[in-house]
Amino acid sequence: MTQQLVLEQGRSQIYSPGLPLAVYREVAAHLRQVEGVNTGLLPQQSQKFDYNDSQIGALWIEFSVVADAASREQVEQILAYYGDRYSPWEKFD
């Protein structure tokens, strides 16, 4: 069962441990199709290379004023889809 990830009105940053770069890009592209949603990728900040770590540090998601409840629900569904297939999303501090 997928945990509910609560995203703030402003900018939220989340990550999925070990998620490949290509999948992060796919998720970001998928989220950009939702009205009122902007997103981008933050680079990995670790100074130590680990082959099993993602090249991405986090995915940021920002809701504009035109993002309504339906847009938020669509974002939650997209994130749940990828979280179920790979690893659950976590908040990035």
PDB file of N, CA and C in Angstrom:
ATOM      1  N   MET A   1       0.836  -1.178   0.000  1.00  0.00           N
ATOM      2  CA  MET A   1       0.000   0.000   0.000  1.00  0.00           C
ATOM      3  C   MET A   1       0.886   1.248   0.000  1.00  0.00           C
ATOM      4  N   THR A   2       0.524   2.222  -0.808  1.00  0.00           N
ATOM      5  CA  THR A   2       1.316   3.435  -0.951  1.00  0.00           C
ATOM      6  C   THR A   2       1.014   4.415   0.177  1.00  0.00           C
ATOM      7  N   GLN A   3       2.069   5.002   0.722  1.00  0.00           N
ATOM      8  CA  GLN A   3       1.892   6.033   1.737  1.00  0.00           C
ATOM      9  C   GLN A   3       1.483   7.320   1.053  1.00  0.00           C
ATOM     10  N   GLN A   4       0.731   8.151   1.753  1.00  0.00           N
ATOM     11  CA  GLN A   4       0.303   9.432   1.218  1.00  0.00           C
ATOM     12  C   GLN A   4       1.415  10.454   1.431  1.00  0.00           C
ATOM     13  N   LEU A   5       1.854  11.077   0.367  1.00  0.00           N
ATOM     14  CA  LEU A   5       2.891  12.105   0.430  1.00  0.00           C
ATOM     15  C   LEU A   5       2.199  13.459   0.390  1.00  0.00           C
ATOM     16  N   VAL A   6       2.396  14.269   1.387  1.00  0.00           N
ATOM     17  CA  VAL A   6       1.744  15.578   1.456  1.00  0.00           C
ATOM     18  C   VAL A   6       2.677  16.631   0.866  1.00  0.00           C
ATOM     19  N   LEU A   7       2.203  17.275  -0.189  1.00  0.00           N
ATOM     20  CA  LEU A   7       2.987  18.318  -0.851  1.00  0.00           C
ATOM     21  C   LEU A   7       2.446  19.686  -0.465  1.00  0.00           C
ATOM     22  N   GLU A   8       3.346  20.609  -0.141  1.00  0.00           N
ATOM     23  CA  GLU A   8       2.957  21.955   0.250  1.00  0.00           C
ATOM     24  C   GLU A   8       2.490  22.760  -0.960  1.00  0.00           C
ATOM     25  N   GLN A   9       1.854  23.895  -0.667  1.00  0.00           N
ATOM     26  CA  GLN A   9       1.372  24.774  -1.731  1.00  0.00           C
ATOM     27  C   GLN A   9       2.524  25.348  -2.544  1.00  0.00           C
ATOM     28  N   GLY A  10       3.619  25.731  -1.901  1.00  0.00           N
ATOM     29  CA  GLY A  10       4.764  26.292  -2.617  1.00  0.00           C
ATOM     30  C   GLY A  10       5.570  25.216  -3.306  1.00  0.00           C
ATOM     31  N   ARG A  11       6.833  25.204  -3.048  1.00  0.00           N
ATOM     32  CA  ARG A  11       7.732  24.226  -3.670  1.00  0.00           C
ATOM     33  C   ARG A  11       8.034  23.104  -2.690  1.00  0.00           C
ATOM     34  N   SER A  12       7.857  21.885  -3.160  1.00  0.00           N
ATOM     35  CA  SER A  12       8.204  20.692  -2.385  1.00  0.00           C
ATOM     36  C   SER A  12       9.329  19.970  -3.095  1.00  0.00           C
ATOM     37  N   GLN A  13      10.191  19.355  -2.321  1.00  0.00           N
ATOM     38  CA  GLN A  13      11.279  18.560  -2.882  1.00  0.00           C
ATOM     39  C   GLN A  13      11.154  17.136  -2.357  1.00  0.00           C
ATOM     40  N   ILE A  14      11.179  16.179  -3.283  1.00  0.00           N
ATOM     41  CA  ILE A  14      11.050  14.772  -2.918  1.00  0.00           C
ATOM     42  C   ILE A  14      12.093  13.958  -3.665  1.00  0.00           C
ATOM     43  N   TYR A  15      12.336  12.752  -3.182  1.00  0.00           N
ATOM     44  CA  TYR A  15      13.247  11.859  -3.887  1.00  0.00           C
ATOM     45  C   TYR A  15      12.801  10.418  -3.681  1.00  0.00           C
ATOM     46  N   SER A  16      13.299   9.557  -4.538  1.00  0.00           N
ATOM     47  CA  SER A  16      13.044   8.129  -4.459  1.00  0.00           C
ATOM     48  C   SER A  16      14.409   7.454  -4.526  1.00  0.00           C
ATOM     49  N   PRO A  17      14.843   6.862  -3.420  1.00  0.00           N
ATOM     50  CA  PRO A  17      16.192   6.284  -3.373  1.00  0.00           C
ATOM     51  C   PRO A  17      16.468   5.296  -4.512  1.00  0.00           C
ATOM     52  N   GLY A  18      17.573   5.546  -5.212  1.00  0.00           N
ATOM     53  CA  GLY A  18      17.996   4.641  -6.278  1.00  0.00           C
ATOM     54  C   GLY A  18      17.249   4.785  -7.591  1.00  0.00           C
ATOM     55  N   LEU A  19      16.329   5.739  -7.693  1.00  0.00           N
ATOM     56  CA  LEU A  19      15.573   5.923  -8.927  1.00  0.00           C
ATOM     57  C   LEU A  19      16.513   6.387 -10.043  1.00  0.00           C
ATOM     58  N   PRO A  20      16.507   5.719 -11.183  1.00  0.00           N
ATOM     59  CA  PRO A  20      17.419   6.097 -12.277  1.00  0.00           C
ATOM     60  C   PRO A  20      17.103   7.481 -12.861  1.00  0.00           C
ATOM     61  N   LEU A  21      18.126   8.089 -13.412  1.00  0.00           N
ATOM     62  CA  LEU A  21      18.009   9.408 -14.029  1.00  0.00           C
ATOM     63  C   LEU A  21      16.890   9.450 -15.072  1.00  0.00           C
ATOM     64  N   ALA A  22      16.815   8.459 -15.930  1.00  0.00           N
ATOM     65  CA  ALA A  22      15.803   8.439 -16.993  1.00  0.00           C
ATOM     66  C   ALA A  22      14.384   8.442 -16.422  1.00  0.00           C
ATOM     67  N   VAL A  23      14.193   7.751 -15.319  1.00  0.00           N
ATOM     68  CA  VAL A  23      12.861   7.694 -14.713  1.00  0.00           C
ATOM     69  C   VAL A  23      12.531   9.035 -14.056  1.00  0.00           C
ATOM     70  N   TYR A  24      13.514   9.663 -13.394  1.00  0.00           N
ATOM     71  CA  TYR A  24      13.285  11.007 -12.850  1.00  0.00           C
ATOM     72  C   TYR A  24      12.859  11.950 -13.975  1.00  0.00           C
ATOM     73  N   ARG A  25      13.512  11.882 -15.107  1.00  0.00           N
ATOM     74  CA  ARG A  25      13.163  12.748 -16.236  1.00  0.00           C
ATOM     75  C   ARG A  25      11.750  12.450 -16.730  1.00  0.00           C
ATOM     76  N   GLU A  26      11.405  11.175 -16.772  1.00  0.00           N
ATOM     77  CA  GLU A  26      10.064  10.765 -17.199  1.00  0.00           C
ATOM     78  C   GLU A  26       9.001  11.300 -16.233  1.00  0.00           C
ATOM     79  N   VAL A  27       9.249  11.181 -14.934  1.00  0.00           N
ATOM     80  CA  VAL A  27       8.308  11.677 -13.930  1.00  0.00           C
ATOM     81  C   VAL A  27       8.148  13.197 -14.082  1.00  0.00           C
ATOM     82  N   ALA A  28       9.254  13.911 -14.210  1.00  0.00           N
ATOM     83  CA  ALA A  28       9.202  15.367 -14.360  1.00  0.00           C
ATOM     84  C   ALA A  28       8.400  15.762 -15.599  1.00  0.00           C
ATOM     85  N   ALA A  29       8.629  15.080 -16.709  1.00  0.00           N
ATOM     86  CA  ALA A  29       7.893  15.375 -17.941  1.00  0.00           C
ATOM     87  C   ALA A  29       6.403  15.080 -17.766  1.00  0.00           C
ATOM     88  N   HIS A  30       6.097  13.993 -17.108  1.00  0.00           N
ATOM     89  CA  HIS A  30       4.716  13.606 -16.850  1.00  0.00           C
ATOM     90  C   HIS A  30       4.019  14.662 -15.979  1.00  0.00           C
ATOM     91  N   LEU A  31       4.697  15.122 -14.929  1.00  0.00           N
ATOM     92  CA  LEU A  31       4.113  16.117 -14.029  1.00  0.00           C
ATOM     93  C   LEU A  31       3.916  17.466 -14.710  1.00  0.00           C
ATOM     94  N   ARG A  32       4.803  17.821 -15.635  1.00  0.00           N
ATOM     95  CA  ARG A  32       4.681  19.117 -16.332  1.00  0.00           C
ATOM     96  C   ARG A  32       3.430  19.174 -17.200  1.00  0.00           C
ATOM     97  N   GLN A  33       2.842  18.045 -17.505  1.00  0.00           N
ATOM     98  CA  GLN A  33       1.619  18.013 -18.314  1.00  0.00           C
ATOM     99  C   GLN A  33       0.379  18.372 -17.495  1.00  0.00           C
ATOM    100  N   VAL A  34       0.505  18.411 -16.175  1.00  0.00           N
ATOM    101  CA  VAL A  34      -0.615  18.749 -15.304  1.00  0.00           C
ATOM    102  C   VAL A  34      -0.721  20.267 -15.212  1.00  0.00           C
ATOM    103  N   GLU A  35      -1.933  20.784 -15.400  1.00  0.00           N
ATOM    104  CA  GLU A  35      -2.130  22.236 -15.372  1.00  0.00           C
ATOM    105  C   GLU A  35      -1.791  22.813 -14.003  1.00  0.00           C
ATOM    106  N   GLY A  36      -0.992  23.880 -14.018  1.00  0.00           N
ATOM    107  CA  GLY A  36      -0.639  24.579 -12.795  1.00  0.00           C
ATOM    108  C   GLY A  36       0.531  23.972 -12.046  1.00  0.00           C
ATOM    109  N   VAL A  37       1.233  23.032 -12.682  1.00  0.00           N
ATOM    110  CA  VAL A  37       2.349  22.355 -12.023  1.00  0.00           C
ATOM    111  C   VAL A  37       3.633  22.626 -12.783  1.00  0.00           C
ATOM    112  N   ASN A  38       4.667  22.984 -12.051  1.00  0.00           N
ATOM    113  CA  ASN A  38       6.002  23.129 -12.623  1.00  0.00           C
ATOM    114  C   ASN A  38       6.918  22.220 -11.820  1.00  0.00           C
ATOM    115  N   THR A  39       7.928  21.705 -12.454  1.00  0.00           N
ATOM    116  CA  THR A  39       8.823  20.764 -11.781  1.00  0.00           C
ATOM    117  C   THR A  39      10.212  20.818 -12.395  1.00  0.00           C
ATOM    118  N   GLY A  40      11.174  20.330 -11.655  1.00  0.00           N
ATOM    119  CA  GLY A  40      12.547  20.273 -12.135  1.00  0.00           C
ATOM    120  C   GLY A  40      13.343  19.286 -11.300  1.00  0.00           C
ATOM    121  N   LEU A  41      14.578  19.093 -11.696  1.00  0.00           N
ATOM    122  CA  LEU A  41      15.452  18.122 -11.032  1.00  0.00           C
ATOM    123  C   LEU A  41      16.630  18.820 -10.377  1.00  0.00           C
ATOM    124  N   LEU A  42      16.984  18.366  -9.203  1.00  0.00           N
ATOM    125  CA  LEU A  42      18.157  18.879  -8.494  1.00  0.00           C
ATOM    126  C   LEU A  42      19.269  17.849  -8.598  1.00  0.00           C
ATOM    127  N   PRO A  43      20.495  18.278  -8.869  1.00  0.00           N
ATOM    128  CA  PRO A  43      21.597  17.318  -9.004  1.00  0.00           C
ATOM    129  C   PRO A  43      21.960  16.662  -7.674  1.00  0.00           C
ATOM    130  N   GLN A  44      22.560  15.504  -7.758  1.00  0.00           N
ATOM    131  CA  GLN A  44      23.063  14.787  -6.589  1.00  0.00           C
ATOM    132  C   GLN A  44      24.164  15.619  -5.947  1.00  0.00           C
ATOM    133  N   GLN A  45      24.125  15.774  -4.634  1.00  0.00           N
ATOM    134  CA  GLN A  45      25.100  16.597  -3.928  1.00  0.00           C
ATOM    135  C   GLN A  45      26.195  15.793  -3.232  1.00  0.00           C
ATOM    136  N   SER A  46      26.041  14.500  -3.201  1.00  0.00           N
ATOM    137  CA  SER A  46      27.010  13.660  -2.496  1.00  0.00           C
ATOM    138  C   SER A  46      28.391  13.754  -3.148  1.00  0.00           C
ATOM    139  N   GLN A  47      29.420  13.864  -2.330  1.00  0.00           N
ATOM    140  CA  GLN A  47      30.792  13.915  -2.829  1.00  0.00           C
ATOM    141  C   GLN A  47      31.356  12.516  -3.054  1.00  0.00           C
ATOM    142  N   LYS A  48      30.668  11.507  -2.510  1.00  0.00           N
ATOM    143  CA  LYS A  48      31.115  10.126  -2.625  1.00  0.00           C
ATOM    144  C   LYS A  48      30.287   9.399  -3.684  1.00  0.00           C
ATOM    145  N   PHE A  49      30.939   8.813  -4.663  1.00  0.00           N
ATOM    146  CA  PHE A  49      30.237   8.107  -5.723  1.00  0.00           C
ATOM    147  C   PHE A  49      29.781   6.738  -5.230  1.00  0.00           C
ATOM    148  N   ASP A  50      28.535   6.447  -5.496  1.00  0.00           N
ATOM    149  CA  ASP A  50      27.964   5.130  -5.223  1.00  0.00           C
ATOM    150  C   ASP A  50      27.164   4.741  -6.456  1.00  0.00           C
ATOM    151  N   TYR A  51      27.532   3.645  -7.077  1.00  0.00           N
ATOM    152  CA  TYR A  51      26.886   3.212  -8.315  1.00  0.00           C
ATOM    153  C   TYR A  51      25.381   3.021  -8.138  1.00  0.00           C
ATOM    154  N   ASN A  52      24.949   2.657  -6.936  1.00  0.00           N
ATOM    155  CA  ASN A  52      23.535   2.401  -6.687  1.00  0.00           C
ATOM    156  C   ASN A  52      22.727   3.660  -6.405  1.00  0.00           C
ATOM    157  N   ASP A  53      23.398   4.798  -6.194  1.00  0.00           N
ATOM    158  CA  ASP A  53      22.693   6.057  -5.984  1.00  0.00           C
ATOM    159  C   ASP A  53      22.273   6.650  -7.317  1.00  0.00           C
ATOM    160  N   SER A  54      21.212   7.422  -7.268  1.00  0.00           N
ATOM    161  CA  SER A  54      20.755   8.113  -8.455  1.00  0.00           C
ATOM    162  C   SER A  54      21.673   9.289  -8.752  1.00  0.00           C
ATOM    163  N   GLN A  55      21.686   9.726  -9.992  1.00  0.00           N
ATOM    164  CA  GLN A  55      22.430  10.929 -10.362  1.00  0.00           C
ATOM    165  C   GLN A  55      21.647  12.184  -9.966  1.00  0.00           C
ATOM    166  N   ILE A  56      20.411  11.990  -9.551  1.00  0.00           N
ATOM    167  CA  ILE A  56      19.538  13.098  -9.169  1.00  0.00           C
ATOM    168  C   ILE A  56      19.410  13.138  -7.653  1.00  0.00           C
ATOM    169  N   GLY A  57      19.490  14.324  -7.095  1.00  0.00           N
ATOM    170  CA  GLY A  57      19.338  14.478  -5.657  1.00  0.00           C
ATOM    171  C   GLY A  57      17.878  14.534  -5.245  1.00  0.00           C
ATOM    172  N   ALA A  58      17.067  15.241  -6.062  1.00  0.00           N
ATOM    173  CA  ALA A  58      15.653  15.381  -5.727  1.00  0.00           C
ATOM    174  C   ALA A  58      14.875  15.918  -6.925  1.00  0.00           C
ATOM    175  N   LEU A  59      13.590  15.770  -6.842  1.00  0.00           N
ATOM    176  CA  LEU A  59      12.636  16.311  -7.803  1.00  0.00           C
ATOM    177  C   LEU A  59      11.881  17.416  -7.068  1.00  0.00           C
ATOM    178  N   TRP A  60      11.822  18.611  -7.649  1.00  0.00           N
ATOM    179  CA  TRP A  60      11.019  19.654  -7.009  1.00  0.00           C
ATOM    180  C   TRP A  60       9.730  19.832  -7.782  1.00  0.00           C
ATOM    181  N   ILE A  61       8.685  20.109  -7.007  1.00  0.00           N
ATOM    182  CA  ILE A  61       7.343  20.299  -7.569  1.00  0.00           C
ATOM    183  C   ILE A  61       6.789  21.596  -7.004  1.00  0.00           C
ATOM    184  N   GLU A  62       6.237  22.420  -7.890  1.00  0.00           N
ATOM    185  CA  GLU A  62       5.678  23.696  -7.478  1.00  0.00           C
ATOM    186  C   GLU A  62       4.287  23.839  -8.086  1.00  0.00           C
ATOM    187  N   PHE A  63       3.330  24.187  -7.234  1.00  0.00           N
ATOM    188  CA  PHE A  63       1.966  24.409  -7.696  1.00  0.00           C
ATOM    189  C   PHE A  63       1.736  25.906  -7.869  1.00  0.00           C
ATOM    190  N   SER A  64       1.211  26.313  -9.017  1.00  0.00           N
ATOM    191  CA  SER A  64       0.878  27.717  -9.229  1.00  0.00           C
ATOM    192  C   SER A  64      -0.538  27.964  -8.706  1.00  0.00           C
ATOM    193  N   VAL A  65      -0.985  29.191  -8.797  1.00  0.00           N
ATOM    194  CA  VAL A  65      -2.312  29.539  -8.302  1.00  0.00           C
ATOM    195  C   VAL A  65      -3.433  28.890  -9.113  1.00  0.00           C
ATOM    196  N   VAL A  66      -3.155  28.471 -10.336  1.00  0.00           N
ATOM    197  CA  VAL A  66      -4.190  27.830 -11.158  1.00  0.00           C
ATOM    198  C   VAL A  66      -4.313  26.327 -10.883  1.00  0.00           C
ATOM    199  N   ALA A  67      -3.444  25.789 -10.060  1.00  0.00           N
ATOM    200  CA  ALA A  67      -3.521  24.360  -9.727  1.00  0.00           C
ATOM    201  C   ALA A  67      -4.675  24.152  -8.753  1.00  0.00           C
ATOM    202  N   ASP A  68      -5.665  23.399  -9.184  1.00  0.00           N
ATOM    203  CA  ASP A  68      -6.821  23.145  -8.327  1.00  0.00           C
ATOM    204  C   ASP A  68      -6.701  21.757  -7.683  1.00  0.00           C
ATOM    205  N   ALA A  69      -7.756  21.348  -7.006  1.00  0.00           N
ATOM    206  CA  ALA A  69      -7.754  20.057  -6.318  1.00  0.00           C
ATOM    207  C   ALA A  69      -7.567  18.903  -7.307  1.00  0.00           C
ATOM    208  N   ALA A  70      -8.122  19.035  -8.503  1.00  0.00           N
ATOM    209  CA  ALA A  70      -7.978  17.979  -9.512  1.00  0.00           C
ATOM    210  C   ALA A  70      -6.510  17.854  -9.956  1.00  0.00           C
ATOM    211  N   SER A  71      -5.832  18.978 -10.090  1.00  0.00           N
ATOM    212  CA  SER A  71      -4.417  18.955 -10.462  1.00  0.00           C
ATOM    213  C   SER A  71      -3.590  18.288  -9.370  1.00  0.00           C
ATOM    214  N   ARG A  72      -3.878  18.628  -8.118  1.00  0.00           N
ATOM    215  CA  ARG A  72      -3.156  18.031  -6.988  1.00  0.00           C
ATOM    216  C   ARG A  72      -3.384  16.523  -6.942  1.00  0.00           C
ATOM    217  N   GLU A  73      -4.622  16.110  -7.179  1.00  0.00           N
ATOM    218  CA  GLU A  73      -4.947  14.680  -7.181  1.00  0.00           C
ATOM    219  C   GLU A  73      -4.210  13.968  -8.307  1.00  0.00           C
ATOM    220  N   GLN A  74      -4.137  14.583  -9.464  1.00  0.00           N
ATOM    221  CA  GLN A  74      -3.423  13.992 -10.595  1.00  0.00           C
ATOM    222  C   GLN A  74      -1.935  13.839 -10.275  1.00  0.00           C
ATOM    223  N   VAL A  75      -1.342  14.830  -9.630  1.00  0.00           N
ATOM    224  CA  VAL A  75       0.060  14.753  -9.223  1.00  0.00           C
ATOM    225  C   VAL A  75       0.248  13.595  -8.245  1.00  0.00           C
ATOM    226  N   GLU A  76      -0.643  13.482  -7.265  1.00  0.00           N
ATOM    227  CA  GLU A  76      -0.553  12.390  -6.287  1.00  0.00           C
ATOM    228  C   GLU A  76      -0.645  11.027  -6.977  1.00  0.00           C
ATOM    229  N   GLN A  77      -1.504  10.904  -7.970  1.00  0.00           N
ATOM    230  CA  GLN A  77      -1.651   9.643  -8.700  1.00  0.00           C
ATOM    231  C   GLN A  77      -0.399   9.308  -9.500  1.00  0.00           C
ATOM    232  N   ILE A  78       0.184  10.304 -10.130  1.00  0.00           N
ATOM    233  CA  ILE A  78       1.414  10.081 -10.902  1.00  0.00           C
ATOM    234  C   ILE A  78       2.537   9.634  -9.978  1.00  0.00           C
ATOM    235  N   LEU A  79       2.690  10.331  -8.855  1.00  0.00           N
ATOM    236  CA  LEU A  79       3.743   9.963  -7.909  1.00  0.00           C
ATOM    237  C   LEU A  79       3.502   8.579  -7.313  1.00  0.00           C
ATOM    238  N   ALA A  80       2.253   8.245  -7.042  1.00  0.00           N
ATOM    239  CA  ALA A  80       1.931   6.916  -6.505  1.00  0.00           C
ATOM    240  C   ALA A  80       2.285   5.828  -7.521  1.00  0.00           C
ATOM    241  N   TYR A  81       2.008   6.087  -8.789  1.00  0.00           N
ATOM    242  CA  TYR A  81       2.329   5.121  -9.845  1.00  0.00           C
ATOM    243  C   TYR A  81       3.819   4.787  -9.846  1.00  0.00           C
ATOM    244  N   TYR A  82       4.647   5.813  -9.866  1.00  0.00           N
ATOM    245  CA  TYR A  82       6.094   5.586  -9.905  1.00  0.00           C
ATOM    246  C   TYR A  82       6.616   5.064  -8.571  1.00  0.00           C
ATOM    247  N   GLY A  83       6.046   5.548  -7.474  1.00  0.00           N
ATOM    248  CA  GLY A  83       6.453   5.069  -6.156  1.00  0.00           C
ATOM    249  C   GLY A  83       6.167   3.594  -5.956  1.00  0.00           C
ATOM    250  N   ASP A  84       5.058   3.128  -6.508  1.00  0.00           N
ATOM    251  CA  ASP A  84       4.704   1.707  -6.412  1.00  0.00           C
ATOM    252  C   ASP A  84       5.642   0.838  -7.248  1.00  0.00           C
ATOM    253  N   ARG A  85       6.118   1.347  -8.360  1.00  0.00           N
ATOM    254  CA  ARG A  85       6.953   0.554  -9.259  1.00  0.00           C
ATOM    255  C   ARG A  85       8.433   0.566  -8.888  1.00  0.00           C
ATOM    256  N   TYR A  86       8.855   1.597  -8.218  1.00  0.00           N
ATOM    257  CA  TYR A  86      10.276   1.714  -7.869  1.00  0.00           C
ATOM    258  C   TYR A  86      10.433   1.697  -6.351  1.00  0.00           C
ATOM    259  N   SER A  87      10.555   2.822  -5.742  1.00  0.00           N
ATOM    260  CA  SER A  87      10.594   2.887  -4.273  1.00  0.00           C
ATOM    261  C   SER A  87       9.781   4.116  -3.857  1.00  0.00           C
ATOM    262  N   PRO A  88       9.219   4.089  -2.658  1.00  0.00           N
ATOM    263  CA  PRO A  88       8.347   5.197  -2.222  1.00  0.00           C
ATOM    264  C   PRO A  88       9.102   6.532  -2.204  1.00  0.00           C
ATOM    265  N   TRP A  89       8.352   7.591  -2.473  1.00  0.00           N
ATOM    266  CA  TRP A  89       8.893   8.947  -2.436  1.00  0.00           C
ATOM    267  C   TRP A  89       9.075   9.376  -1.002  1.00  0.00           C
ATOM    268  N   GLU A  90      10.105  10.162  -0.770  1.00  0.00           N
ATOM    269  CA  GLU A  90      10.388  10.707   0.547  1.00  0.00           C
ATOM    270  C   GLU A  90      10.619  12.204   0.407  1.00  0.00           C
ATOM    271  N   LYS A  91      10.315  12.931   1.475  1.00  0.00           N
ATOM    272  CA  LYS A  91      10.592  14.368   1.482  1.00  0.00           C
ATOM    273  C   LYS A  91      12.099  14.584   1.496  1.00  0.00           C
ATOM    274  N   PHE A  92      12.553  15.596   0.772  1.00  0.00           N
ATOM    275  CA  PHE A  92      13.958  15.962   0.712  1.00  0.00           C
ATOM    276  C   PHE A  92      14.134  17.247   1.503  1.00  0.00           C
ATOM    277  N   ASP A  93      14.997  17.224   2.491  1.00  0.00           N
ATOM    278  CA  ASP A  93      15.208  18.412   3.342  1.00  0.00           C
ATOM    279  C   ASP A  93      16.288  19.299   2.811  1.00  0.00           C
TER     280      ASP A  93
END
